[in-house]
N, C-alpha and C. Protein backbone atom coordinates (compact mmCIF):
# COMPACT_ATOMS: atom_id res chain seq x y z
N UNK A 1 -124.33 80.25 -25.59
CA UNK A 1 -123.87 79.31 -24.58
C UNK A 1 -123.44 80.05 -23.32
N UNK A 2 -122.96 81.25 -23.48
CA UNK A 2 -122.49 82.02 -22.33
C UNK A 2 -123.64 82.30 -21.35
N UNK A 3 -124.81 82.61 -21.91
CA UNK A 3 -125.97 82.91 -21.05
C UNK A 3 -126.38 81.68 -20.25
N UNK A 4 -126.37 80.51 -20.89
CA UNK A 4 -126.73 79.29 -20.18
C UNK A 4 -125.73 78.99 -19.08
N UNK A 5 -124.46 79.26 -19.35
CA UNK A 5 -123.43 79.03 -18.34
C UNK A 5 -123.62 79.96 -17.15
N UNK A 6 -123.96 81.25 -17.43
CA UNK A 6 -124.20 82.20 -16.35
C UNK A 6 -125.40 81.80 -15.51
N UNK A 7 -126.48 81.35 -16.16
CA UNK A 7 -127.67 80.93 -15.44
C UNK A 7 -127.34 79.74 -14.56
N UNK A 8 -126.54 78.83 -15.09
CA UNK A 8 -126.15 77.65 -14.32
C UNK A 8 -125.33 78.06 -13.10
N UNK A 9 -124.40 79.00 -13.29
CA UNK A 9 -123.58 79.42 -12.16
C UNK A 9 -124.41 80.17 -11.12
N UNK A 10 -125.40 80.94 -11.57
CA UNK A 10 -126.28 81.60 -10.61
C UNK A 10 -127.07 80.58 -9.81
N UNK A 11 -127.57 79.56 -10.49
CA UNK A 11 -128.31 78.50 -9.79
C UNK A 11 -127.41 77.78 -8.79
N UNK A 12 -126.19 77.50 -9.20
CA UNK A 12 -125.25 76.84 -8.30
C UNK A 12 -124.93 77.73 -7.09
N UNK A 13 -124.76 79.01 -7.34
CA UNK A 13 -124.47 79.94 -6.25
C UNK A 13 -125.65 80.02 -5.28
N UNK A 14 -126.86 80.02 -5.82
CA UNK A 14 -128.04 80.07 -4.97
C UNK A 14 -128.14 78.82 -4.11
N UNK A 15 -127.88 77.67 -4.70
CA UNK A 15 -127.90 76.42 -3.94
C UNK A 15 -126.82 76.42 -2.86
N UNK A 16 -125.67 76.96 -3.19
CA UNK A 16 -124.58 77.03 -2.21
C UNK A 16 -124.98 77.91 -1.02
N UNK A 17 -125.63 79.04 -1.29
CA UNK A 17 -126.10 79.91 -0.20
C UNK A 17 -127.13 79.21 0.67
N UNK A 18 -128.03 78.46 0.03
CA UNK A 18 -129.04 77.73 0.80
C UNK A 18 -128.40 76.66 1.67
N UNK A 19 -127.41 75.97 1.14
CA UNK A 19 -126.71 74.94 1.92
C UNK A 19 -125.99 75.55 3.11
N UNK A 20 -125.35 76.71 2.88
CA UNK A 20 -124.67 77.39 3.98
C UNK A 20 -125.65 77.84 5.05
N UNK A 21 -126.82 78.31 4.62
CA UNK A 21 -127.83 78.76 5.58
C UNK A 21 -128.32 77.60 6.44
N UNK A 22 -128.44 76.43 5.86
CA UNK A 22 -128.91 75.27 6.62
C UNK A 22 -127.89 74.81 7.66
N UNK A 23 -126.64 75.15 7.45
CA UNK A 23 -125.60 74.74 8.40
C UNK A 23 -125.59 75.60 9.65
N UNK A 24 -126.25 76.74 9.60
CA UNK A 24 -126.24 77.65 10.75
C UNK A 24 -127.16 77.12 11.85
N UNK A 25 -126.82 77.48 13.08
CA UNK A 25 -127.64 77.06 14.21
C UNK A 25 -128.87 77.97 14.32
N UNK A 26 -129.82 77.53 15.11
CA UNK A 26 -131.03 78.33 15.31
C UNK A 26 -130.69 79.67 15.95
N UNK A 27 -129.70 79.67 16.85
CA UNK A 27 -129.31 80.92 17.51
C UNK A 27 -128.75 81.91 16.48
N UNK A 28 -127.91 81.44 15.58
CA UNK A 28 -127.35 82.31 14.55
C UNK A 28 -128.45 82.84 13.63
N UNK A 29 -129.40 81.99 13.28
CA UNK A 29 -130.52 82.42 12.44
C UNK A 29 -131.35 83.47 13.15
N UNK A 30 -131.61 83.25 14.44
CA UNK A 30 -132.39 84.20 15.22
C UNK A 30 -131.69 85.55 15.32
N UNK A 31 -130.38 85.51 15.58
CA UNK A 31 -129.62 86.76 15.70
C UNK A 31 -129.61 87.52 14.38
N UNK A 32 -129.49 86.81 13.27
CA UNK A 32 -129.50 87.48 11.96
C UNK A 32 -130.87 88.09 11.68
N UNK A 33 -131.93 87.34 11.98
CA UNK A 33 -133.28 87.85 11.75
C UNK A 33 -133.54 89.07 12.63
N UNK A 34 -133.08 89.03 13.87
CA UNK A 34 -133.25 90.16 14.78
C UNK A 34 -132.52 91.38 14.26
N UNK A 35 -131.30 91.18 13.77
CA UNK A 35 -130.50 92.28 13.23
C UNK A 35 -131.21 92.91 12.03
N UNK A 36 -131.72 92.06 11.13
CA UNK A 36 -132.43 92.58 9.96
C UNK A 36 -133.71 93.31 10.35
N UNK A 37 -134.42 92.80 11.36
CA UNK A 37 -135.64 93.44 11.82
C UNK A 37 -135.34 94.83 12.39
N UNK A 38 -134.26 94.92 13.19
CA UNK A 38 -133.89 96.22 13.76
C UNK A 38 -133.52 97.22 12.67
N UNK A 39 -132.81 96.75 11.66
CA UNK A 39 -132.44 97.63 10.55
C UNK A 39 -133.70 98.10 9.83
N UNK A 40 -134.64 97.18 9.62
CA UNK A 40 -135.89 97.53 8.94
C UNK A 40 -136.66 98.57 9.74
N UNK A 41 -136.73 98.41 11.05
CA UNK A 41 -137.44 99.36 11.90
C UNK A 41 -136.77 100.74 11.83
N UNK A 42 -135.45 100.76 11.86
CA UNK A 42 -134.72 102.02 11.79
C UNK A 42 -134.98 102.72 10.46
N UNK A 43 -134.95 101.94 9.37
CA UNK A 43 -135.17 102.54 8.05
C UNK A 43 -136.60 103.05 7.89
N UNK A 44 -137.56 102.37 8.49
CA UNK A 44 -138.95 102.82 8.42
C UNK A 44 -139.15 104.13 9.17
N UNK A 45 -138.43 104.34 10.25
CA UNK A 45 -138.57 105.54 11.06
C UNK A 45 -137.77 106.71 10.48
N UNK A 46 -136.82 106.42 9.60
CA UNK A 46 -135.92 107.45 9.09
C UNK A 46 -136.66 108.43 8.19
N UNK A 47 -136.27 109.69 8.28
CA UNK A 47 -136.80 110.72 7.39
C UNK A 47 -135.63 111.35 6.66
N UNK A 48 -135.85 111.67 5.42
CA UNK A 48 -134.81 112.28 4.61
C UNK A 48 -135.04 113.79 4.62
N UNK A 49 -134.06 114.52 5.09
CA UNK A 49 -134.13 115.97 5.12
C UNK A 49 -133.25 116.52 4.02
N UNK A 50 -133.80 117.45 3.28
CA UNK A 50 -133.05 118.06 2.20
C UNK A 50 -132.77 119.51 2.53
N UNK A 51 -131.49 119.83 2.55
CA UNK A 51 -131.12 121.23 2.77
C UNK A 51 -130.82 121.84 1.40
N UNK A 52 -131.36 123.01 1.13
CA UNK A 52 -131.10 123.63 -0.18
C UNK A 52 -129.61 123.97 -0.32
N UNK A 53 -129.12 123.90 -1.53
CA UNK A 53 -127.73 124.20 -1.81
C UNK A 53 -127.51 125.71 -1.65
N UNK A 54 -126.52 126.05 -0.86
CA UNK A 54 -126.19 127.47 -0.64
C UNK A 54 -124.99 127.82 -1.53
N UNK A 55 -125.23 128.70 -2.48
CA UNK A 55 -124.15 129.12 -3.38
C UNK A 55 -123.48 130.36 -2.80
N UNK A 56 -122.18 130.39 -2.83
CA UNK A 56 -121.44 131.54 -2.31
C UNK A 56 -120.92 132.39 -3.44
C-alpha cells in the first residue's frame, strides 16, 4: 500500500506543478525558457580540464 500511496503523491505533485506553470504569464515563461537556453549553451561550450594530482 505504501508504494501506491507514493505513486499517488507523485502524480498529485506533478499535477500541482503543471497547475502552477499554467498560472505563469507568457513573459515569465519566456524568461525561464531563455534562462534555461543560456545555461544549456554554456554547458555545451564548457570543457572539463583535469590537472594531475601533485603529491608532495
